[in-house]
Amino acid sequence: MNDGFIKLKLGSHIIVHGFDESNKEIAEDVIVNEYSEKWVAINRIKSIGEKFVLTDYIDGRWIYWEYEGSFQSLEKRLGKYVG
């Protein structure tokens, strides 16, 4: 994806800190009560699903963010960056 930012309403998320000796994710669940607006760098988005946006984070970590809205509306908003 290209450079730039997109404003998303993000909520609860899962931070993946790495993997254990059995190659199982070491994950931390972060539960929040409401969504908040955040600017996300387009080039940090790795995947989008029906419920989560996967982004990279510092020190090789990954974050699965729950987002507000539909997959189709997010797909339309990001469509101009996919090529």
PDB file of N, CA and C in Angstrom:
ATOM      1  N   MET A   1       0.840  -1.181   0.000  1.00  0.00           N
ATOM      2  CA  MET A   1       0.000   0.000   0.000  1.00  0.00           C
ATOM      3  C   MET A   1       0.883   1.242   0.000  1.00  0.00           C
ATOM      4  N   ASN A   2       0.325   2.338  -0.412  1.00  0.00           N
ATOM      5  CA  ASN A   2       1.061   3.593  -0.531  1.00  0.00           C
ATOM      6  C   ASN A   2       1.220   4.296   0.797  1.00  0.00           C
ATOM      7  N   ASP A   3       1.982   5.381   0.757  1.00  0.00           N
ATOM      8  CA  ASP A   3       2.108   6.247   1.922  1.00  0.00           C
ATOM      9  C   ASP A   3       0.816   7.009   2.114  1.00  0.00           C
ATOM     10  N   GLY A   4       0.691   7.642   3.250  1.00  0.00           N
ATOM     11  CA  GLY A   4      -0.502   8.401   3.570  1.00  0.00           C
ATOM     12  C   GLY A   4      -1.160   7.820   4.807  1.00  0.00           C
ATOM     13  N   PHE A   5      -2.246   8.454   5.180  1.00  0.00           N
ATOM     14  CA  PHE A   5      -2.957   8.048   6.392  1.00  0.00           C
ATOM     15  C   PHE A   5      -4.442   7.920   6.108  1.00  0.00           C
ATOM     16  N   ILE A   6      -5.107   7.113   6.928  1.00  0.00           N
ATOM     17  CA  ILE A   6      -6.551   6.986   6.871  1.00  0.00           C
ATOM     18  C   ILE A   6      -7.068   7.088   8.305  1.00  0.00           C
ATOM     19  N   LYS A   7      -8.176   7.821   8.491  1.00  0.00           N
ATOM     20  CA  LYS A   7      -8.774   7.937   9.810  1.00  0.00           C
ATOM     21  C   LYS A   7      -9.762   6.784   9.993  1.00  0.00           C
ATOM     22  N   LEU A   8      -9.570   6.004  11.068  1.00  0.00           N
ATOM     23  CA  LEU A   8     -10.436   4.870  11.368  1.00  0.00           C
ATOM     24  C   LEU A   8     -10.946   4.982  12.792  1.00  0.00           C
ATOM     25  N   LYS A   9     -12.122   4.414  13.031  1.00  0.00           N
ATOM     26  CA  LYS A   9     -12.632   4.285  14.392  1.00  0.00           C
ATOM     27  C   LYS A   9     -12.272   2.882  14.854  1.00  0.00           C
ATOM     28  N   LEU A  10     -11.353   2.813  15.832  1.00  0.00           N
ATOM     29  CA  LEU A  10     -10.819   1.544  16.294  1.00  0.00           C
ATOM     30  C   LEU A  10     -11.200   1.311  17.746  1.00  0.00           C
ATOM     31  N   GLY A  11     -11.355   0.039  18.078  1.00  0.00           N
ATOM     32  CA  GLY A  11     -11.763  -0.314  19.432  1.00  0.00           C
ATOM     33  C   GLY A  11     -10.816  -1.309  20.061  1.00  0.00           C
ATOM     34  N   SER A  12     -11.391  -2.362  20.595  1.00  0.00           N
ATOM     35  CA  SER A  12     -10.599  -3.395  21.247  1.00  0.00           C
ATOM     36  C   SER A  12      -9.592  -3.963  20.257  1.00  0.00           C
ATOM     37  N   HIS A  13      -8.482  -4.477  20.789  1.00  0.00           N
ATOM     38  CA  HIS A  13      -7.446  -4.977  19.903  1.00  0.00           C
ATOM     39  C   HIS A  13      -6.631  -6.078  20.570  1.00  0.00           C
ATOM     40  N   ILE A  14      -5.911  -6.786  19.748  1.00  0.00           N
ATOM     41  CA  ILE A  14      -5.043  -7.861  20.198  1.00  0.00           C
ATOM     42  C   ILE A  14      -3.627  -7.510  19.752  1.00  0.00           C
ATOM     43  N   ILE A  15      -2.712  -7.433  20.709  1.00  0.00           N
ATOM     44  CA  ILE A  15      -1.314  -7.161  20.390  1.00  0.00           C
ATOM     45  C   ILE A  15      -0.577  -8.491  20.385  1.00  0.00           C
ATOM     46  N   VAL A  16       0.060  -8.813  19.272  1.00  0.00           N
ATOM     47  CA  VAL A  16       0.869 -10.034  19.175  1.00  0.00           C
ATOM     48  C   VAL A  16       2.316  -9.637  19.432  1.00  0.00           C
ATOM     49  N   HIS A  17       2.864 -10.148  20.528  1.00  0.00           N
ATOM     50  CA  HIS A  17       4.219  -9.793  20.957  1.00  0.00           C
ATOM     51  C   HIS A  17       5.289 -10.687  20.343  1.00  0.00           C
ATOM     52  N   GLY A  18       4.873 -11.773  19.722  1.00  0.00           N
ATOM     53  CA  GLY A  18       5.827 -12.708  19.142  1.00  0.00           C
ATOM     54  C   GLY A  18       5.277 -14.117  19.241  1.00  0.00           C
ATOM     55  N   PHE A  19       6.179 -15.081  19.257  1.00  0.00           N
ATOM     56  CA  PHE A  19       5.790 -16.489  19.270  1.00  0.00           C
ATOM     57  C   PHE A  19       6.594 -17.235  20.319  1.00  0.00           C
ATOM     58  N   ASP A  20       5.958 -18.251  20.923  1.00  0.00           N
ATOM     59  CA  ASP A  20       6.677 -19.059  21.905  1.00  0.00           C
ATOM     60  C   ASP A  20       7.434 -20.185  21.216  1.00  0.00           C
ATOM     61  N   GLU A  21       8.034 -21.074  21.994  1.00  0.00           N
ATOM     62  CA  GLU A  21       8.854 -22.152  21.433  1.00  0.00           C
ATOM     63  C   GLU A  21       8.044 -23.156  20.619  1.00  0.00           C
ATOM     64  N   SER A  22       6.703 -23.149  20.790  1.00  0.00           N
ATOM     65  CA  SER A  22       5.828 -24.017  19.993  1.00  0.00           C
ATOM     66  C   SER A  22       5.236 -23.289  18.795  1.00  0.00           C
ATOM     67  N   ASN A  23       5.741 -22.078  18.525  1.00  0.00           N
ATOM     68  CA  ASN A  23       5.277 -21.239  17.422  1.00  0.00           C
ATOM     69  C   ASN A  23       3.836 -20.762  17.615  1.00  0.00           C
ATOM     70  N   LYS A  24       3.400 -20.677  18.871  1.00  0.00           N
ATOM     71  CA  LYS A  24       2.078 -20.150  19.202  1.00  0.00           C
ATOM     72  C   LYS A  24       2.219 -18.663  19.502  1.00  0.00           C
ATOM     73  N   GLU A  25       1.274 -17.865  19.002  1.00  0.00           N
ATOM     74  CA  GLU A  25       1.322 -16.424  19.234  1.00  0.00           C
ATOM     75  C   GLU A  25       1.267 -16.098  20.723  1.00  0.00           C
ATOM     76  N   ILE A  26       2.085 -15.150  21.131  1.00  0.00           N
ATOM     77  CA  ILE A  26       1.999 -14.587  22.476  1.00  0.00           C
ATOM     78  C   ILE A  26       1.184 -13.309  22.323  1.00  0.00           C
ATOM     79  N   ALA A  27      -0.074 -13.360  22.756  1.00  0.00           N
ATOM     80  CA  ALA A  27      -1.004 -12.271  22.475  1.00  0.00           C
ATOM     81  C   ALA A  27      -1.549 -11.651  23.762  1.00  0.00           C
ATOM     82  N   GLU A  28      -1.817 -10.362  23.673  1.00  0.00           N
ATOM     83  CA  GLU A  28      -2.393  -9.593  24.779  1.00  0.00           C
ATOM     84  C   GLU A  28      -3.702  -8.979  24.287  1.00  0.00           C
ATOM     85  N   ASP A  29      -4.817  -9.344  24.927  1.00  0.00           N
ATOM     86  CA  ASP A  29      -6.118  -8.768  24.579  1.00  0.00           C
ATOM     87  C   ASP A  29      -6.305  -7.450  25.315  1.00  0.00           C
ATOM     88  N   VAL A  30      -6.672  -6.412  24.569  1.00  0.00           N
ATOM     89  CA  VAL A  30      -6.953  -5.100  25.156  1.00  0.00           C
ATOM     90  C   VAL A  30      -8.412  -4.777  24.838  1.00  0.00           C
ATOM     91  N   ILE A  31      -9.228  -4.716  25.880  1.00  0.00           N
ATOM     92  CA  ILE A  31     -10.663  -4.471  25.716  1.00  0.00           C
ATOM     93  C   ILE A  31     -10.964  -3.023  26.083  1.00  0.00           C
ATOM     94  N   VAL A  32     -11.651  -2.317  25.195  1.00  0.00           N
ATOM     95  CA  VAL A  32     -12.083  -0.948  25.470  1.00  0.00           C
ATOM     96  C   VAL A  32     -13.596  -0.877  25.332  1.00  0.00           C
ATOM     97  N   ASN A  33     -14.195   0.124  25.950  1.00  0.00           N
ATOM     98  CA  ASN A  33     -15.651   0.242  25.963  1.00  0.00           C
ATOM     99  C   ASN A  33     -16.232   0.923  24.739  1.00  0.00           C
ATOM    100  N   GLU A  34     -15.432   1.712  24.054  1.00  0.00           N
ATOM    101  CA  GLU A  34     -15.945   2.412  22.883  1.00  0.00           C
ATOM    102  C   GLU A  34     -14.831   2.614  21.857  1.00  0.00           C
ATOM    103  N   TYR A  35     -15.245   2.883  20.644  1.00  0.00           N
ATOM    104  CA  TYR A  35     -14.304   3.140  19.560  1.00  0.00           C
ATOM    105  C   TYR A  35     -13.755   4.558  19.689  1.00  0.00           C
ATOM    106  N   SER A  36     -12.537   4.745  19.217  1.00  0.00           N
ATOM    107  CA  SER A  36     -11.969   6.091  19.158  1.00  0.00           C
ATOM    108  C   SER A  36     -11.312   6.281  17.800  1.00  0.00           C
ATOM    109  N   GLU A  37     -11.296   7.527  17.354  1.00  0.00           N
ATOM    110  CA  GLU A  37     -10.704   7.824  16.058  1.00  0.00           C
ATOM    111  C   GLU A  37      -9.195   7.836  16.154  1.00  0.00           C
ATOM    112  N   LYS A  38      -8.564   7.220  15.162  1.00  0.00           N
ATOM    113  CA  LYS A  38      -7.112   7.190  15.081  1.00  0.00           C
ATOM    114  C   LYS A  38      -6.708   7.365  13.619  1.00  0.00           C
ATOM    115  N   TRP A  39      -5.585   8.023  13.422  1.00  0.00           N
ATOM    116  CA  TRP A  39      -4.978   8.100  12.101  1.00  0.00           C
ATOM    117  C   TRP A  39      -4.024   6.921  11.981  1.00  0.00           C
ATOM    118  N   VAL A  40      -4.198   6.122  10.943  1.00  0.00           N
ATOM    119  CA  VAL A  40      -3.371   4.935  10.724  1.00  0.00           C
ATOM    120  C   VAL A  40      -2.588   5.126   9.427  1.00  0.00           C
ATOM    121  N   ALA A  41      -1.293   4.896   9.496  1.00  0.00           N
ATOM    122  CA  ALA A  41      -0.462   4.974   8.287  1.00  0.00           C
ATOM    123  C   ALA A  41      -0.860   3.838   7.346  1.00  0.00           C
ATOM    124  N   ILE A  42      -1.157   4.164   6.117  1.00  0.00           N
ATOM    125  CA  ILE A  42      -1.573   3.178   5.123  1.00  0.00           C
ATOM    126  C   ILE A  42      -0.542   2.066   4.982  1.00  0.00           C
ATOM    127  N   ASN A  43       0.736   2.424   5.004  1.00  0.00           N
ATOM    128  CA  ASN A  43       1.772   1.412   4.795  1.00  0.00           C
ATOM    129  C   ASN A  43       1.945   0.463   5.978  1.00  0.00           C
ATOM    130  N   ARG A  44       1.268   0.719   7.091  1.00  0.00           N
ATOM    131  CA  ARG A  44       1.322  -0.191   8.241  1.00  0.00           C
ATOM    132  C   ARG A  44       0.204  -1.225   8.203  1.00  0.00           C
ATOM    133  N   ILE A  45      -0.787  -1.029   7.328  1.00  0.00           N
ATOM    134  CA  ILE A  45      -1.895  -1.978   7.215  1.00  0.00           C
ATOM    135  C   ILE A  45      -1.415  -3.191   6.430  1.00  0.00           C
ATOM    136  N   LYS A  46      -1.584  -4.367   7.017  1.00  0.00           N
ATOM    137  CA  LYS A  46      -1.133  -5.601   6.388  1.00  0.00           C
ATOM    138  C   LYS A  46      -2.289  -6.432   5.869  1.00  0.00           C
ATOM    139  N   SER A  47      -3.448  -6.332   6.512  1.00  0.00           N
ATOM    140  CA  SER A  47      -4.592  -7.157   6.127  1.00  0.00           C
ATOM    141  C   SER A  47      -5.857  -6.540   6.694  1.00  0.00           C
ATOM    142  N   ILE A  48      -6.966  -6.796   5.989  1.00  0.00           N
ATOM    143  CA  ILE A  48      -8.271  -6.326   6.454  1.00  0.00           C
ATOM    144  C   ILE A  48      -9.243  -7.492   6.368  1.00  0.00           C
ATOM    145  N   GLY A  49      -9.980  -7.713   7.441  1.00  0.00           N
ATOM    146  CA  GLY A  49     -10.991  -8.760   7.464  1.00  0.00           C
ATOM    147  C   GLY A  49     -12.347  -8.177   7.802  1.00  0.00           C
ATOM    148  N   GLU A  50     -13.321  -9.043   7.999  1.00  0.00           N
ATOM    149  CA  GLU A  50     -14.684  -8.606   8.308  1.00  0.00           C
ATOM    150  C   GLU A  50     -14.766  -7.858   9.634  1.00  0.00           C
ATOM    151  N   LYS A  51     -13.843  -8.138  10.550  1.00  0.00           N
ATOM    152  CA  LYS A  51     -13.916  -7.544  11.884  1.00  0.00           C
ATOM    153  C   LYS A  51     -12.655  -6.785  12.293  1.00  0.00           C
ATOM    154  N   PHE A  52     -11.500  -7.184  11.753  1.00  0.00           N
ATOM    155  CA  PHE A  52     -10.231  -6.632  12.209  1.00  0.00           C
ATOM    156  C   PHE A  52      -9.384  -6.058  11.071  1.00  0.00           C
ATOM    157  N   VAL A  53      -8.590  -5.045  11.427  1.00  0.00           N
ATOM    158  CA  VAL A  53      -7.526  -4.528  10.572  1.00  0.00           C
ATOM    159  C   VAL A  53      -6.220  -4.944  11.245  1.00  0.00           C
ATOM    160  N   LEU A  54      -5.353  -5.623  10.507  1.00  0.00           N
ATOM    161  CA  LEU A  54      -4.060  -6.037  11.036  1.00  0.00           C
ATOM    162  C   LEU A  54      -3.020  -4.999  10.636  1.00  0.00           C
ATOM    163  N   THR A  55      -2.302  -4.474  11.633  1.00  0.00           N
ATOM    164  CA  THR A  55      -1.240  -3.504  11.365  1.00  0.00           C
ATOM    165  C   THR A  55       0.049  -3.963  12.036  1.00  0.00           C
ATOM    166  N   ASP A  56       1.172  -3.492  11.498  1.00  0.00           N
ATOM    167  CA  ASP A  56       2.419  -3.753  12.201  1.00  0.00           C
ATOM    168  C   ASP A  56       2.582  -2.705  13.291  1.00  0.00           C
ATOM    169  N   TYR A  57       3.507  -2.986  14.205  1.00  0.00           N
ATOM    170  CA  TYR A  57       3.701  -2.147  15.377  1.00  0.00           C
ATOM    171  C   TYR A  57       5.201  -2.118  15.664  1.00  0.00           C
ATOM    172  N   ILE A  58       5.610  -1.523  16.730  1.00  0.00           N
ATOM    173  CA  ILE A  58       7.029  -1.424  17.051  1.00  0.00           C
ATOM    174  C   ILE A  58       7.623  -2.771  17.461  1.00  0.00           C
ATOM    175  N   ASP A  59       8.905  -2.904  17.267  1.00  0.00           N
ATOM    176  CA  ASP A  59       9.670  -4.086  17.695  1.00  0.00           C
ATOM    177  C   ASP A  59       9.121  -5.397  17.143  1.00  0.00           C
ATOM    178  N   GLY A  60       8.629  -5.391  15.905  1.00  0.00           N
ATOM    179  CA  GLY A  60       8.164  -6.613  15.260  1.00  0.00           C
ATOM    180  C   GLY A  60       6.814  -7.113  15.735  1.00  0.00           C
ATOM    181  N   ARG A  61       6.111  -6.319  16.482  1.00  0.00           N
ATOM    182  CA  ARG A  61       4.784  -6.724  16.968  1.00  0.00           C
ATOM    183  C   ARG A  61       3.735  -6.469  15.894  1.00  0.00           C
ATOM    184  N   TRP A  62       2.566  -7.098  16.094  1.00  0.00           N
ATOM    185  CA  TRP A  62       1.405  -6.915  15.224  1.00  0.00           C
ATOM    186  C   TRP A  62       0.206  -6.560  16.093  1.00  0.00           C
ATOM    187  N   ILE A  63      -0.736  -5.800  15.528  1.00  0.00           N
ATOM    188  CA  ILE A  63      -1.971  -5.485  16.259  1.00  0.00           C
ATOM    189  C   ILE A  63      -3.164  -5.775  15.352  1.00  0.00           C
ATOM    190  N   TYR A  64      -4.103  -6.550  15.891  1.00  0.00           N
ATOM    191  CA  TYR A  64      -5.396  -6.780  15.254  1.00  0.00           C
ATOM    192  C   TYR A  64      -6.376  -5.802  15.894  1.00  0.00           C
ATOM    193  N   TRP A  65      -6.779  -4.771  15.142  1.00  0.00           N
ATOM    194  CA  TRP A  65      -7.694  -3.746  15.640  1.00  0.00           C
ATOM    195  C   TRP A  65      -9.129  -4.071  15.214  1.00  0.00           C
ATOM    196  N   GLU A  66     -10.049  -4.037  16.146  1.00  0.00           N
ATOM    197  CA  GLU A  66     -11.469  -4.105  15.791  1.00  0.00           C
ATOM    198  C   GLU A  66     -11.857  -2.726  15.270  1.00  0.00           C
ATOM    199  N   TYR A  67     -12.550  -2.684  14.135  1.00  0.00           N
ATOM    200  CA  TYR A  67     -12.903  -1.385  13.570  1.00  0.00           C
ATOM    201  C   TYR A  67     -14.414  -1.227  13.472  1.00  0.00           C
ATOM    202  N   GLU A  68     -14.844   0.030  13.480  1.00  0.00           N
ATOM    203  CA  GLU A  68     -16.269   0.340  13.343  1.00  0.00           C
ATOM    204  C   GLU A  68     -16.590   0.508  11.871  1.00  0.00           C
ATOM    205  N   GLY A  69     -17.698  -0.054  11.444  1.00  0.00           N
ATOM    206  CA  GLY A  69     -18.111   0.067  10.060  1.00  0.00           C
ATOM    207  C   GLY A  69     -18.070  -1.277   9.361  1.00  0.00           C
ATOM    208  N   SER A  70     -18.408  -1.249   8.099  1.00  0.00           N
ATOM    209  CA  SER A  70     -18.468  -2.493   7.328  1.00  0.00           C
ATOM    210  C   SER A  70     -17.176  -2.712   6.534  1.00  0.00           C
ATOM    211  N   PHE A  71     -16.940  -3.960   6.221  1.00  0.00           N
ATOM    212  CA  PHE A  71     -15.802  -4.326   5.383  1.00  0.00           C
ATOM    213  C   PHE A  71     -15.898  -3.609   4.037  1.00  0.00           C
ATOM    214  N   GLN A  72     -17.101  -3.571   3.448  1.00  0.00           N
ATOM    215  CA  GLN A  72     -17.289  -2.954   2.134  1.00  0.00           C
ATOM    216  C   GLN A  72     -16.962  -1.460   2.143  1.00  0.00           C
ATOM    217  N   SER A  73     -17.354  -0.759   3.205  1.00  0.00           N
ATOM    218  CA  SER A  73     -17.061   0.681   3.242  1.00  0.00           C
ATOM    219  C   SER A  73     -15.563   0.927   3.425  1.00  0.00           C
ATOM    220  N   LEU A  74     -14.910   0.100   4.227  1.00  0.00           N
ATOM    221  CA  LEU A  74     -13.465   0.247   4.393  1.00  0.00           C
ATOM    222  C   LEU A  74     -12.730  -0.124   3.109  1.00  0.00           C
ATOM    223  N   GLU A  75     -13.219  -1.144   2.439  1.00  0.00           N
ATOM    224  CA  GLU A  75     -12.633  -1.549   1.155  1.00  0.00           C
ATOM    225  C   GLU A  75     -12.711  -0.404   0.144  1.00  0.00           C
ATOM    226  N   LYS A  76     -13.835   0.279   0.078  1.00  0.00           N
ATOM    227  CA  LYS A  76     -13.987   1.417  -0.838  1.00  0.00           C
ATOM    228  C   LYS A  76     -13.023   2.541  -0.485  1.00  0.00           C
ATOM    229  N   ARG A  77     -12.893   2.826   0.807  1.00  0.00           N
ATOM    230  CA  ARG A  77     -12.013   3.915   1.242  1.00  0.00           C
ATOM    231  C   ARG A  77     -10.547   3.609   0.947  1.00  0.00           C
ATOM    232  N   LEU A  78     -10.160   2.346   1.057  1.00  0.00           N
ATOM    233  CA  LEU A  78      -8.777   1.967   0.829  1.00  0.00           C
ATOM    234  C   LEU A  78      -8.493   1.580  -0.616  1.00  0.00           C
ATOM    235  N   GLY A  79      -9.520   1.439  -1.426  1.00  0.00           N
ATOM    236  CA  GLY A  79      -9.364   0.994  -2.800  1.00  0.00           C
ATOM    237  C   GLY A  79      -8.376   1.779  -3.624  1.00  0.00           C
ATOM    238  N   LYS A  80      -8.322   3.078  -3.395  1.00  0.00           N
ATOM    239  CA  LYS A  80      -7.410   3.934  -4.170  1.00  0.00           C
ATOM    240  C   LYS A  80      -5.948   3.686  -3.816  1.00  0.00           C
ATOM    241  N   TYR A  81      -5.680   3.026  -2.690  1.00  0.00           N
ATOM    242  CA  TYR A  81      -4.302   2.745  -2.277  1.00  0.00           C
ATOM    243  C   TYR A  81      -3.821   1.381  -2.737  1.00  0.00           C
ATOM    244  N   VAL A  82      -4.745   0.540  -3.148  1.00  0.00           N
ATOM    245  CA  VAL A  82      -4.390  -0.831  -3.570  1.00  0.00           C
ATOM    246  C   VAL A  82      -4.182  -0.821  -5.066  1.00  0.00           C
ATOM    247  N   GLY A  83      -3.152  -1.421  -5.494  1.00  0.00           N
ATOM    248  CA  GLY A  83      -2.960  -1.346  -6.917  1.00  0.00           C
ATOM    249  C   GLY A  83      -2.151  -2.435  -7.440  1.00  0.00           C
TER     250      GLY A  83
END
